[in-house]
Amino acid sequence: MEDALGVRIDLRSDSVHVEGPDEAVARVQRIFQDFESLRRQGINLHNGELNGMLRLVVADKAVTLRSLADAGKARSNGIKRTVQPRSLNQRKYIEAIEQNDMVFGVGPAGTGKTYLAVAMAVAAMNAKKVSRIVLVRPAVEAGERLGFLPGTLQEKVDPYLRPLYDALYDLLDPEKVDKMLEKNIIEVAPLAFMRGRTLNDAFIIMDEAQNTTVEQMKMFLTRMGNNSKAVITGDITQIDLPNPRKSGLLDAINILDGVEGIAFCHFMDGDVVRHALVQRIVRAYDAAKPQQQELPLSIGEGMEPPAQKQAPQQATVHQVKPQ
């Protein structure tokens, strides 16, 4: 609040003392009043949630702590924790999902792309807007070769889909998640299983979309049926395909930009909501990119080939054997 509103806030023994322009002081006063009102209603904001909400409140005069809390409550129907955007881009992302049938969330790790999409899907299902959730992810290893994993087909692909399970178990009671998975109300599947299907009355999420090929992305985008929503999330800086330039996500961003009914939300390193160190790590890698030299396409490219001695050409004589 001090940095964004240009005020000085001092904590006294019996009060909070605020100095600064009248308008800014009035906004600080309203924030404290809203916070006290929420506290009396039994709404206790955790440190991360409060910090994120304050960033939104100081960035937009029309936004108040109370309005954010009310909107979060409406979205969190049936979810064990409040779904609250913690940055301006996260708020735009949530609003885009509410207003559009297809949304692309593109940005670095830890910006809440997948988590918020799963939360919105659960909220939509609890509100009876959709009858099932379909979570999809391409099965591409991040620089590793896992080989032939033991177990059933589901056990083979589960490691790739673990982040989606993590989000579900964080938002809902484990018993409820297991029951929904058992009844196929929530379906978690690798992208390869989507071919030929039409998904009606469903909230479809594709995670790690940067690892799809152009053909896979087109196939997935055309699975949508009646009364369905699709959210596609990915980080174009973490492409694990053999040829990163052939990423289906990059291709879709270029082709679908401007298409009516499709929204694109781009996240920045400032939107990272994991540990504070993650934000600094993302920035450090981004800053190091221009300095990194690209490896040559082939070994020895750009080097002078060693001079080869040309052997004097000798005429070869073939003796004809008698038949």
C-alpha atoms as a PDB file:
ATOM      1  CA  MET A   1       0.000   0.000   0.000  1.00  0.00           C
ATOM      2  CA  GLU A   2       2.848   2.400   0.839  1.00  0.00           C
ATOM      3  CA  ASP A   3       4.668   1.771  -2.448  1.00  0.00           C
ATOM      4  CA  ALA A   4       1.625   1.870  -4.729  1.00  0.00           C
ATOM      5  CA  LEU A   5      -0.389   4.674  -3.099  1.00  0.00           C
ATOM      6  CA  GLY A   6       2.489   6.924  -2.013  1.00  0.00           C
ATOM      7  CA  VAL A   7       1.573   6.951   1.685  1.00  0.00           C
ATOM      8  CA  ARG A   8       3.376   6.277   4.954  1.00  0.00           C
ATOM      9  CA  ILE A   9       1.740   3.880   7.395  1.00  0.00           C
ATOM     10  CA  ASP A  10       2.823   3.677  11.033  1.00  0.00           C
ATOM     11  CA  LEU A  11       1.523   1.153  13.521  1.00  0.00           C
ATOM     12  CA  ARG A  12       0.852   2.802  16.900  1.00  0.00           C
ATOM     13  CA  SER A  13      -0.079   1.079  20.148  1.00  0.00           C
ATOM     14  CA  ASP A  14      -3.806   1.793  19.702  1.00  0.00           C
ATOM     15  CA  SER A  15      -4.159   2.890  16.057  1.00  0.00           C
ATOM     16  CA  VAL A  16      -2.774   2.948  12.521  1.00  0.00           C
ATOM     17  CA  HIS A  17      -1.373   6.323  11.496  1.00  0.00           C
ATOM     18  CA  VAL A  18      -1.476   7.137   7.750  1.00  0.00           C
ATOM     19  CA  GLU A  19       0.173  10.134   6.079  1.00  0.00           C
ATOM     20  CA  GLY A  20      -0.115  11.150   2.425  1.00  0.00           C
ATOM     21  CA  PRO A  21      -2.479  12.666  -0.173  1.00  0.00           C
ATOM     22  CA  ASP A  22      -6.136  12.815   0.938  1.00  0.00           C
ATOM     23  CA  GLU A  23      -7.400  10.469  -1.778  1.00  0.00           C
ATOM     24  CA  ALA A  24      -4.700   7.871  -1.044  1.00  0.00           C
ATOM     25  CA  VAL A  25      -5.361   8.082   2.726  1.00  0.00           C
ATOM     26  CA  ALA A  26      -9.090   7.550   2.073  1.00  0.00           C
ATOM     27  CA  ARG A  27      -8.308   4.412   0.002  1.00  0.00           C
ATOM     28  CA  VAL A  28      -6.079   3.035   2.781  1.00  0.00           C
ATOM     29  CA  GLN A  29      -8.851   3.706   5.306  1.00  0.00           C
ATOM     30  CA  ARG A  30     -11.364   1.827   3.122  1.00  0.00           C
ATOM     31  CA  ILE A  31      -8.961  -1.138   2.822  1.00  0.00           C
ATOM     32  CA  PHE A  32      -8.601  -1.375   6.620  1.00  0.00           C
ATOM     33  CA  GLN A  33     -12.378  -1.064   7.097  1.00  0.00           C
ATOM     34  CA  ASP A  34     -13.043  -3.824   4.541  1.00  0.00           C
ATOM     35  CA  PHE A  35     -10.409  -6.035   6.143  1.00  0.00           C
ATOM     36  CA  GLU A  36     -11.979  -5.573   9.598  1.00  0.00           C
ATOM     37  CA  SER A  37     -15.452  -6.264   8.166  1.00  0.00           C
ATOM     38  CA  LEU A  38     -14.244  -9.494   6.515  1.00  0.00           C
ATOM     39  CA  ARG A  39     -12.491 -10.561   9.716  1.00  0.00           C
ATOM     40  CA  ARG A  40     -15.726 -10.139  11.686  1.00  0.00           C
ATOM     41  CA  GLN A  41     -17.539 -12.318   9.114  1.00  0.00           C
ATOM     42  CA  GLY A  42     -15.000 -15.056   9.851  1.00  0.00           C
ATOM     43  CA  ILE A  43     -13.079 -14.611   6.586  1.00  0.00           C
ATOM     44  CA  ASN A  44      -9.417 -14.908   7.545  1.00  0.00           C
ATOM     45  CA  LEU A  45      -7.153 -14.174   4.591  1.00  0.00           C
ATOM     46  CA  HIS A  46      -3.855 -16.016   4.573  1.00  0.00           C
ATOM     47  CA  ASN A  47      -0.712 -13.973   3.996  1.00  0.00           C
ATOM     48  CA  GLY A  48      -0.362 -14.888   0.311  1.00  0.00           C
ATOM     49  CA  GLU A  49      -4.062 -14.288  -0.418  1.00  0.00           C
ATOM     50  CA  LEU A  50      -4.087 -10.922   1.319  1.00  0.00           C
ATOM     51  CA  ASN A  51      -0.920  -9.786  -0.465  1.00  0.00           C
ATOM     52  CA  GLY A  52      -2.391 -10.746  -3.853  1.00  0.00           C
ATOM     53  CA  MET A  53      -5.715  -9.033  -3.122  1.00  0.00           C
ATOM     54  CA  LEU A  54      -3.971  -5.864  -1.964  1.00  0.00           C
ATOM     55  CA  ARG A  55      -2.018  -5.735  -5.233  1.00  0.00           C
ATOM     56  CA  LEU A  56      -5.340  -5.770  -7.124  1.00  0.00           C
ATOM     57  CA  VAL A  57      -6.968  -3.179  -4.851  1.00  0.00           C
ATOM     58  CA  VAL A  58      -4.139  -0.629  -5.123  1.00  0.00           C
ATOM     59  CA  ALA A  59      -3.912  -1.129  -8.919  1.00  0.00           C
ATOM     60  CA  ASP A  60      -7.594  -0.334  -9.574  1.00  0.00           C
ATOM     61  CA  LYS A  61      -9.663   2.306  -7.757  1.00  0.00           C
ATOM     62  CA  ALA A  62     -12.920   0.498  -8.553  1.00  0.00           C
ATOM     63  CA  VAL A  63     -11.805  -2.700  -6.790  1.00  0.00           C
ATOM     64  CA  THR A  64     -12.293  -3.201  -3.046  1.00  0.00           C
ATOM     65  CA  LEU A  65     -11.251  -5.986  -0.690  1.00  0.00           C
ATOM     66  CA  ARG A  66     -14.900  -6.771  -0.044  1.00  0.00           C
ATOM     67  CA  SER A  67     -15.809  -7.029  -3.757  1.00  0.00           C
ATOM     68  CA  LEU A  68     -12.850  -9.371  -4.336  1.00  0.00           C
ATOM     69  CA  ALA A  69     -13.825 -11.521  -1.360  1.00  0.00           C
ATOM     70  CA  ASP A  70     -17.460 -11.727  -2.561  1.00  0.00           C
ATOM     71  CA  ALA A  71     -16.384 -12.684  -6.097  1.00  0.00           C
ATOM     72  CA  GLY A  72     -14.011 -15.305  -4.690  1.00  0.00           C
ATOM     73  CA  LYS A  73     -16.805 -16.729  -2.520  1.00  0.00           C
ATOM     74  CA  ALA A  74     -19.083 -17.092  -5.555  1.00  0.00           C
ATOM     75  CA  ARG A  75     -16.361 -18.891  -7.511  1.00  0.00           C
ATOM     76  CA  SER A  76     -15.462 -21.159  -4.601  1.00  0.00           C
ATOM     77  CA  ASN A  77     -18.848 -22.843  -4.284  1.00  0.00           C
ATOM     78  CA  GLY A  78     -18.167 -26.422  -3.144  1.00  0.00           C
ATOM     79  CA  ILE A  79     -14.396 -25.912  -3.015  1.00  0.00           C
ATOM     80  CA  LYS A  80     -12.538 -26.249   0.282  1.00  0.00           C
ATOM     81  CA  ARG A  81     -10.426 -23.124  -0.281  1.00  0.00           C
ATOM     82  CA  THR A  82     -11.201 -19.690  -1.741  1.00  0.00           C
ATOM     83  CA  VAL A  83     -10.230 -19.220  -5.373  1.00  0.00           C
ATOM     84  CA  GLN A  84      -8.823 -15.721  -5.434  1.00  0.00           C
ATOM     85  CA  PRO A  85      -6.708 -14.063  -8.138  1.00  0.00           C
ATOM     86  CA  ARG A  86      -3.442 -12.716  -6.737  1.00  0.00           C
ATOM     87  CA  SER A  87      -2.420 -10.460  -9.622  1.00  0.00           C
ATOM     88  CA  LEU A  88      -4.022  -8.310 -12.313  1.00  0.00           C
ATOM     89  CA  ASN A  89      -3.265 -10.895 -15.020  1.00  0.00           C
ATOM     90  CA  GLN A  90      -4.750 -13.691 -12.910  1.00  0.00           C
ATOM     91  CA  ARG A  91      -7.916 -11.615 -12.518  1.00  0.00           C
ATOM     92  CA  LYS A  92      -8.087 -11.054 -16.309  1.00  0.00           C
ATOM     93  CA  TYR A  93      -7.554 -14.810 -16.785  1.00  0.00           C
ATOM     94  CA  ILE A  94     -10.439 -15.752 -14.473  1.00  0.00           C
ATOM     95  CA  GLU A  95     -12.741 -13.179 -16.105  1.00  0.00           C
ATOM     96  CA  ALA A  96     -11.735 -14.430 -19.571  1.00  0.00           C
ATOM     97  CA  ILE A  97     -12.640 -18.018 -18.573  1.00  0.00           C
ATOM     98  CA  GLU A  98     -16.036 -16.800 -17.329  1.00  0.00           C
ATOM     99  CA  GLN A  99     -16.758 -14.826 -20.508  1.00  0.00           C
ATOM    100  CA  ASN A 100     -15.237 -17.012 -23.293  1.00  0.00           C
ATOM    101  CA  ASP A 101     -15.624 -20.617 -24.404  1.00  0.00           C
ATOM    102  CA  MET A 102     -11.913 -21.003 -25.181  1.00  0.00           C
ATOM    103  CA  VAL A 103      -9.021 -19.396 -23.305  1.00  0.00           C
ATOM    104  CA  PHE A 104      -5.257 -19.720 -23.736  1.00  0.00           C
ATOM    105  CA  GLY A 105      -3.174 -19.075 -20.602  1.00  0.00           C
ATOM    106  CA  VAL A 106       0.490 -18.584 -21.556  1.00  0.00           C
ATOM    107  CA  GLY A 107       3.288 -17.755 -19.140  1.00  0.00           C
ATOM    108  CA  PRO A 108       6.095 -18.962 -16.875  1.00  0.00           C
ATOM    109  CA  ALA A 109       5.887 -21.665 -14.221  1.00  0.00           C
ATOM    110  CA  GLY A 110       4.114 -20.849 -10.968  1.00  0.00           C
ATOM    111  CA  THR A 111       1.692 -18.223 -12.297  1.00  0.00           C
ATOM    112  CA  GLY A 112      -1.387 -20.292 -11.395  1.00  0.00           C
ATOM    113  CA  LYS A 113      -2.432 -21.099 -14.979  1.00  0.00           C
ATOM    114  CA  THR A 114      -3.341 -24.740 -14.336  1.00  0.00           C
ATOM    115  CA  TYR A 115      -4.497 -24.328 -10.737  1.00  0.00           C
ATOM    116  CA  LEU A 116      -6.960 -21.517 -11.523  1.00  0.00           C
ATOM    117  CA  ALA A 117      -8.276 -23.376 -14.581  1.00  0.00           C
ATOM    118  CA  VAL A 118      -8.946 -26.513 -12.493  1.00  0.00           C
ATOM    119  CA  ALA A 119     -10.570 -24.361  -9.778  1.00  0.00           C
ATOM    120  CA  MET A 120     -12.850 -22.699 -12.350  1.00  0.00           C
ATOM    121  CA  ALA A 121     -13.732 -26.115 -13.775  1.00  0.00           C
ATOM    122  CA  VAL A 122     -14.693 -27.491 -10.336  1.00  0.00           C
ATOM    123  CA  ALA A 123     -16.733 -24.344  -9.590  1.00  0.00           C
ATOM    124  CA  ALA A 124     -18.531 -24.657 -12.967  1.00  0.00           C
ATOM    125  CA  MET A 125     -19.377 -28.291 -12.264  1.00  0.00           C
ATOM    126  CA  ASN A 126     -20.609 -27.546  -8.737  1.00  0.00           C
ATOM    127  CA  ALA A 127     -22.807 -24.777 -10.196  1.00  0.00           C
ATOM    128  CA  LYS A 128     -24.233 -27.356 -12.689  1.00  0.00           C
ATOM    129  CA  LYS A 129     -22.917 -25.380 -15.689  1.00  0.00           C
ATOM    130  CA  VAL A 130     -21.131 -28.499 -16.953  1.00  0.00           C
ATOM    131  CA  SER A 131     -21.594 -32.173 -16.090  1.00  0.00           C
ATOM    132  CA  ARG A 132     -17.954 -33.299 -16.206  1.00  0.00           C
ATOM    133  CA  ILE A 133     -14.327 -32.192 -16.260  1.00  0.00           C
ATOM    134  CA  VAL A 134     -11.789 -33.512 -18.744  1.00  0.00           C
ATOM    135  CA  LEU A 135      -8.116 -32.883 -17.897  1.00  0.00           C
ATOM    136  CA  VAL A 136      -5.647 -33.534 -20.716  1.00  0.00           C
ATOM    137  CA  ARG A 137      -1.881 -33.442 -20.959  1.00  0.00           C
ATOM    138  CA  PRO A 138       0.626 -34.543 -23.635  1.00  0.00           C
ATOM    139  CA  ALA A 139       2.870 -37.359 -22.374  1.00  0.00           C
ATOM    140  CA  VAL A 140       6.269 -35.834 -23.146  1.00  0.00           C
ATOM    141  CA  GLU A 141       9.233 -36.295 -20.799  1.00  0.00           C
ATOM    142  CA  ALA A 142      11.038 -33.150 -19.612  1.00  0.00           C
ATOM    143  CA  GLY A 143      14.502 -34.035 -20.856  1.00  0.00           C
ATOM    144  CA  GLU A 144      14.331 -37.584 -19.505  1.00  0.00           C
ATOM    145  CA  ARG A 145      13.564 -40.955 -21.020  1.00  0.00           C
ATOM    146  CA  LEU A 146      11.348 -42.940 -18.695  1.00  0.00           C
ATOM    147  CA  GLY A 147      11.333 -46.039 -20.900  1.00  0.00           C
ATOM    148  CA  PHE A 148       8.778 -48.776 -20.450  1.00  0.00           C
ATOM    149  CA  LEU A 149       7.015 -48.045 -17.173  1.00  0.00           C
ATOM    150  CA  PRO A 150       5.479 -51.044 -15.385  1.00  0.00           C
ATOM    151  CA  GLY A 151       1.790 -51.398 -14.605  1.00  0.00           C
ATOM    152  CA  THR A 152      -1.527 -50.827 -16.360  1.00  0.00           C
ATOM    153  CA  LEU A 153      -2.067 -48.160 -19.014  1.00  0.00           C
ATOM    154  CA  GLN A 154      -3.456 -45.756 -16.384  1.00  0.00           C
ATOM    155  CA  GLU A 155      -0.434 -46.346 -14.123  1.00  0.00           C
ATOM    156  CA  LYS A 156       1.915 -45.657 -17.057  1.00  0.00           C
ATOM    157  CA  VAL A 157       0.421 -42.218 -17.799  1.00  0.00           C
ATOM    158  CA  ASP A 158      -0.351 -41.134 -14.207  1.00  0.00           C
ATOM    159  CA  PRO A 159       3.134 -39.646 -13.582  1.00  0.00           C
ATOM    160  CA  TYR A 160       2.585 -37.232 -16.491  1.00  0.00           C
ATOM    161  CA  LEU A 161      -0.810 -36.174 -15.116  1.00  0.00           C
ATOM    162  CA  ARG A 162       0.251 -35.763 -11.470  1.00  0.00           C
ATOM    163  CA  PRO A 163       0.115 -31.895 -11.462  1.00  0.00           C
ATOM    164  CA  LEU A 164      -3.561 -32.069 -12.427  1.00  0.00           C
ATOM    165  CA  TYR A 165      -4.285 -34.534  -9.614  1.00  0.00           C
ATOM    166  CA  ASP A 166      -2.397 -32.249  -7.186  1.00  0.00           C
ATOM    167  CA  ALA A 167      -4.659 -29.305  -8.062  1.00  0.00           C
ATOM    168  CA  LEU A 168      -7.805 -31.449  -7.651  1.00  0.00           C
ATOM    169  CA  TYR A 169      -6.768 -32.821  -4.240  1.00  0.00           C
ATOM    170  CA  ASP A 170      -5.883 -29.302  -3.086  1.00  0.00           C
ATOM    171  CA  LEU A 171      -9.327 -27.946  -4.035  1.00  0.00           C
ATOM    172  CA  LEU A 172     -11.564 -30.872  -3.069  1.00  0.00           C
ATOM    173  CA  ASP A 173     -11.634 -33.572  -0.392  1.00  0.00           C
ATOM    174  CA  PRO A 174      -9.601 -36.612  -1.525  1.00  0.00           C
ATOM    175  CA  GLU A 175     -12.571 -38.964  -1.053  1.00  0.00           C
ATOM    176  CA  LYS A 176     -14.737 -36.763  -3.290  1.00  0.00           C
ATOM    177  CA  VAL A 177     -12.018 -36.624  -5.982  1.00  0.00           C
ATOM    178  CA  ASP A 178     -11.577 -40.414  -5.924  1.00  0.00           C
ATOM    179  CA  LYS A 179     -15.335 -40.937  -6.228  1.00  0.00           C
ATOM    180  CA  MET A 180     -15.567 -38.505  -9.173  1.00  0.00           C
ATOM    181  CA  LEU A 181     -12.608 -40.165 -10.907  1.00  0.00           C
ATOM    182  CA  GLU A 182     -14.214 -43.561 -10.356  1.00  0.00           C
ATOM    183  CA  LYS A 183     -17.524 -42.425 -11.890  1.00  0.00           C
ATOM    184  CA  ASN A 184     -15.697 -40.647 -14.739  1.00  0.00           C
ATOM    185  CA  ILE A 185     -17.214 -37.287 -13.732  1.00  0.00           C
ATOM    186  CA  ILE A 186     -13.592 -36.128 -13.686  1.00  0.00           C
ATOM    187  CA  GLU A 187     -11.529 -37.702 -16.447  1.00  0.00           C
ATOM    188  CA  VAL A 188      -7.749 -37.361 -16.546  1.00  0.00           C
ATOM    189  CA  ALA A 189      -6.223 -38.607 -19.790  1.00  0.00           C
ATOM    190  CA  PRO A 190      -3.194 -38.195 -22.043  1.00  0.00           C
ATOM    191  CA  LEU A 191      -3.730 -36.188 -25.217  1.00  0.00           C
ATOM    192  CA  ALA A 192      -3.346 -39.262 -27.453  1.00  0.00           C
ATOM    193  CA  PHE A 193      -6.664 -40.607 -26.083  1.00  0.00           C
ATOM    194  CA  MET A 194      -8.641 -37.585 -27.379  1.00  0.00           C
ATOM    195  CA  ARG A 195      -8.616 -38.450 -31.094  1.00  0.00           C
ATOM    196  CA  GLY A 196     -12.061 -39.083 -32.560  1.00  0.00           C
ATOM    197  CA  ARG A 197     -13.987 -37.893 -29.492  1.00  0.00           C
ATOM    198  CA  THR A 198     -16.586 -35.128 -29.150  1.00  0.00           C
ATOM    199  CA  LEU A 199     -16.773 -33.650 -25.651  1.00  0.00           C
ATOM    200  CA  ASN A 200     -20.244 -32.255 -24.870  1.00  0.00           C
ATOM    201  CA  ASP A 201     -21.263 -30.463 -21.666  1.00  0.00           C
ATOM    202  CA  ALA A 202     -17.679 -30.548 -20.406  1.00  0.00           C
ATOM    203  CA  PHE A 203     -14.999 -28.252 -19.022  1.00  0.00           C
ATOM    204  CA  ILE A 204     -11.820 -29.310 -20.864  1.00  0.00           C
ATOM    205  CA  ILE A 205      -8.332 -28.294 -19.711  1.00  0.00           C
ATOM    206  CA  MET A 206      -5.129 -29.027 -21.571  1.00  0.00           C
ATOM    207  CA  ASP A 207      -1.987 -28.540 -19.508  1.00  0.00           C
ATOM    208  CA  GLU A 208       1.600 -28.272 -20.826  1.00  0.00           C
ATOM    209  CA  ALA A 209       0.251 -27.344 -24.270  1.00  0.00           C
ATOM    210  CA  GLN A 210       3.715 -26.196 -25.403  1.00  0.00           C
ATOM    211  CA  ASN A 211       4.604 -29.887 -25.813  1.00  0.00           C
ATOM    212  CA  THR A 212       1.895 -30.598 -28.393  1.00  0.00           C
ATOM    213  CA  THR A 213       2.674 -30.852 -32.079  1.00  0.00           C
ATOM    214  CA  VAL A 214       0.766 -28.685 -34.580  1.00  0.00           C
ATOM    215  CA  GLU A 215      -1.379 -31.682 -35.570  1.00  0.00           C
ATOM    216  CA  GLN A 216      -2.144 -32.618 -31.938  1.00  0.00           C
ATOM    217  CA  MET A 217      -3.202 -29.051 -31.106  1.00  0.00           C
ATOM    218  CA  LYS A 218      -5.584 -28.868 -34.082  1.00  0.00           C
ATOM    219  CA  MET A 219      -7.004 -32.264 -33.113  1.00  0.00           C
ATOM    220  CA  PHE A 220      -7.579 -31.149 -29.508  1.00  0.00           C
ATOM    221  CA  LEU A 221      -9.146 -27.781 -30.383  1.00  0.00           C
ATOM    222  CA  THR A 222     -11.720 -29.501 -32.595  1.00  0.00           C
ATOM    223  CA  ARG A 223     -12.926 -31.858 -29.796  1.00  0.00           C
ATOM    224  CA  MET A 224     -15.261 -29.235 -28.300  1.00  0.00           C
ATOM    225  CA  GLY A 225     -18.933 -30.140 -28.316  1.00  0.00           C
ATOM    226  CA  ASN A 226     -22.108 -28.317 -27.244  1.00  0.00           C
ATOM    227  CA  ASN A 227     -22.045 -26.392 -23.951  1.00  0.00           C
ATOM    228  CA  SER A 228     -18.301 -26.932 -23.479  1.00  0.00           C
ATOM    229  CA  LYS A 229     -15.456 -24.729 -22.353  1.00  0.00           C
ATOM    230  CA  ALA A 230     -11.765 -25.258 -23.083  1.00  0.00           C
ATOM    231  CA  VAL A 231      -8.731 -23.807 -21.316  1.00  0.00           C
ATOM    232  CA  ILE A 232      -5.279 -24.376 -22.811  1.00  0.00           C
ATOM    233  CA  THR A 233      -2.253 -23.615 -20.633  1.00  0.00           C
ATOM    234  CA  GLY A 234       1.450 -23.677 -21.418  1.00  0.00           C
ATOM    235  CA  ASP A 235       4.879 -22.111 -21.023  1.00  0.00           C
ATOM    236  CA  ILE A 236       6.627 -21.425 -24.337  1.00  0.00           C
ATOM    237  CA  THR A 237      10.008 -21.214 -22.550  1.00  0.00           C
ATOM    238  CA  GLN A 238       9.807 -24.885 -21.495  1.00  0.00           C
ATOM    239  CA  ILE A 239       9.224 -26.764 -24.744  1.00  0.00           C
ATOM    240  CA  ASP A 240      10.423 -30.397 -24.513  1.00  0.00           C
ATOM    241  CA  LEU A 241       9.748 -31.331 -28.142  1.00  0.00           C
ATOM    242  CA  PRO A 242      12.708 -32.400 -30.337  1.00  0.00           C
ATOM    243  CA  ASN A 243      11.972 -29.376 -32.558  1.00  0.00           C
ATOM    244  CA  PRO A 244      10.695 -26.499 -30.358  1.00  0.00           C
ATOM    245  CA  ARG A 245       9.691 -24.450 -33.409  1.00  0.00           C
ATOM    246  CA  LYS A 246       6.986 -26.996 -34.225  1.00  0.00           C
ATOM    247  CA  SER A 247       5.112 -26.456 -30.948  1.00  0.00           C
ATOM    248  CA  GLY A 248       1.345 -26.576 -31.414  1.00  0.00           C
ATOM    249  CA  LEU A 249       0.916 -23.814 -28.827  1.00  0.00           C
ATOM    250  CA  LEU A 250       3.149 -21.366 -30.733  1.00  0.00           C
ATOM    251  CA  ASP A 251       1.306 -22.222 -33.940  1.00  0.00           C
ATOM    252  CA  ALA A 252      -2.126 -21.745 -32.333  1.00  0.00           C
ATOM    253  CA  ILE A 253      -1.165 -18.361 -30.838  1.00  0.00           C
ATOM    254  CA  ASN A 254      -0.232 -17.108 -34.328  1.00  0.00           C
ATOM    255  CA  ILE A 255      -3.190 -18.628 -36.190  1.00  0.00           C
ATOM    256  CA  LEU A 256      -6.037 -18.011 -33.709  1.00  0.00           C
ATOM    257  CA  ASP A 257      -5.150 -14.483 -32.597  1.00  0.00           C
ATOM    258  CA  GLY A 258      -8.201 -12.303 -33.258  1.00  0.00           C
ATOM    259  CA  VAL A 259     -10.677 -15.194 -33.635  1.00  0.00           C
ATOM    260  CA  GLU A 260     -13.989 -14.270 -31.972  1.00  0.00           C
ATOM    261  CA  GLY A 261     -14.747 -16.263 -28.806  1.00  0.00           C
ATOM    262  CA  ILE A 262     -11.093 -17.097 -28.080  1.00  0.00           C
ATOM    263  CA  ALA A 263      -9.176 -15.134 -25.426  1.00  0.00           C
ATOM    264  CA  PHE A 264      -5.414 -15.074 -24.825  1.00  0.00           C
ATOM    265  CA  CYS A 265      -3.998 -14.285 -21.383  1.00  0.00           C
ATOM    266  CA  HIS A 266      -0.257 -13.730 -21.058  1.00  0.00           C
ATOM    267  CA  PHE A 267       1.376 -14.004 -17.629  1.00  0.00           C
ATOM    268  CA  MET A 268       4.612 -12.316 -16.577  1.00  0.00           C
ATOM    269  CA  ASP A 269       7.213 -13.212 -13.943  1.00  0.00           C
ATOM    270  CA  GLY A 270       5.469 -10.770 -11.573  1.00  0.00           C
ATOM    271  CA  ASP A 271       2.442 -13.105 -11.546  1.00  0.00           C
ATOM    272  CA  VAL A 272       4.374 -16.006 -10.005  1.00  0.00           C
ATOM    273  CA  VAL A 273       2.540 -17.071  -6.842  1.00  0.00           C
ATOM    274  CA  ARG A 274       4.794 -19.879  -5.626  1.00  0.00           C
ATOM    275  CA  HIS A 275       7.683 -19.349  -3.237  1.00  0.00           C
ATOM    276  CA  ALA A 276       9.199 -15.843  -3.606  1.00  0.00           C
ATOM    277  CA  LEU A 277      12.401 -17.477  -4.877  1.00  0.00           C
ATOM    278  CA  VAL A 278      10.574 -18.883  -7.939  1.00  0.00           C
ATOM    279  CA  GLN A 279       9.861 -15.349  -9.181  1.00  0.00           C
ATOM    280  CA  ARG A 280      13.549 -14.436  -8.862  1.00  0.00           C
ATOM    281  CA  ILE A 281      14.635 -17.674 -10.585  1.00  0.00           C
ATOM    282  CA  VAL A 282      12.324 -16.974 -13.565  1.00  0.00           C
ATOM    283  CA  ARG A 283      13.711 -13.433 -13.863  1.00  0.00           C
ATOM    284  CA  ALA A 284      17.312 -14.643 -13.640  1.00  0.00           C
ATOM    285  CA  TYR A 285      16.782 -17.154 -16.477  1.00  0.00           C
ATOM    286  CA  ASP A 286      15.043 -14.521 -18.626  1.00  0.00           C
ATOM    287  CA  ALA A 287      17.910 -12.078 -18.045  1.00  0.00           C
ATOM    288  CA  ALA A 288      20.506 -14.726 -18.968  1.00  0.00           C
ATOM    289  CA  LYS A 289      18.845 -15.644 -22.277  1.00  0.00           C
ATOM    290  CA  PRO A 290      20.411 -12.937 -24.490  1.00  0.00           C
ATOM    291  CA  GLN A 291      23.873 -13.838 -23.197  1.00  0.00           C
ATOM    292  CA  GLN A 292      23.544 -17.533 -23.955  1.00  0.00           C
ATOM    293  CA  GLN A 293      25.137 -18.490 -27.222  1.00  0.00           C
ATOM    294  CA  GLU A 294      23.310 -20.953 -29.394  1.00  0.00           C
ATOM    295  CA  LEU A 295      25.083 -24.201 -30.049  1.00  0.00           C
ATOM    296  CA  PRO A 296      26.046 -24.854 -33.680  1.00  0.00           C
ATOM    297  CA  LEU A 297      23.630 -27.007 -35.629  1.00  0.00           C
ATOM    298  CA  SER A 298      26.274 -29.643 -36.304  1.00  0.00           C
ATOM    299  CA  ILE A 299      29.528 -30.524 -34.624  1.00  0.00           C
ATOM    300  CA  GLY A 300      32.454 -28.707 -36.146  1.00  0.00           C
ATOM    301  CA  GLU A 301      30.292 -26.178 -38.036  1.00  0.00           C
ATOM    302  CA  GLY A 302      32.187 -22.951 -38.585  1.00  0.00           C
ATOM    303  CA  MET A 303      35.579 -24.650 -38.226  1.00  0.00           C
ATOM    304  CA  GLU A 304      38.070 -24.932 -41.058  1.00  0.00           C
ATOM    305  CA  PRO A 305      38.214 -28.520 -42.288  1.00  0.00           C
ATOM    306  CA  PRO A 306      41.702 -29.991 -42.148  1.00  0.00           C
ATOM    307  CA  ALA A 307      43.590 -29.915 -45.476  1.00  0.00           C
ATOM    308  CA  GLN A 308      43.471 -33.296 -47.065  1.00  0.00           C
ATOM    309  CA  LYS A 309      46.367 -34.641 -49.106  1.00  0.00           C
ATOM    310  CA  GLN A 310      45.278 -35.719 -52.492  1.00  0.00           C
ATOM    311  CA  ALA A 311      46.833 -38.998 -53.469  1.00  0.00           C
ATOM    312  CA  PRO A 312      48.155 -39.129 -57.023  1.00  0.00           C
ATOM    313  CA  GLN A 313      45.637 -40.781 -59.261  1.00  0.00           C
ATOM    314  CA  GLN A 314      46.865 -44.141 -60.430  1.00  0.00           C
ATOM    315  CA  ALA A 315      45.370 -46.001 -63.306  1.00  0.00           C
ATOM    316  CA  THR A 316      43.867 -49.243 -62.146  1.00  0.00           C
ATOM    317  CA  VAL A 317      44.533 -52.237 -64.366  1.00  0.00           C
ATOM    318  CA  HIS A 318      41.990 -55.021 -64.362  1.00  0.00           C
ATOM    319  CA  GLN A 319      43.325 -58.290 -65.592  1.00  0.00           C
ATOM    320  CA  VAL A 320      40.835 -60.318 -67.554  1.00  0.00           C
ATOM    321  CA  LYS A 321      40.694 -63.878 -66.414  1.00  0.00           C
ATOM    322  CA  PRO A 322      40.141 -66.516 -69.071  1.00  0.00           C
ATOM    323  CA  GLN A 323      36.562 -67.856 -69.107  1.00  0.00           C
END
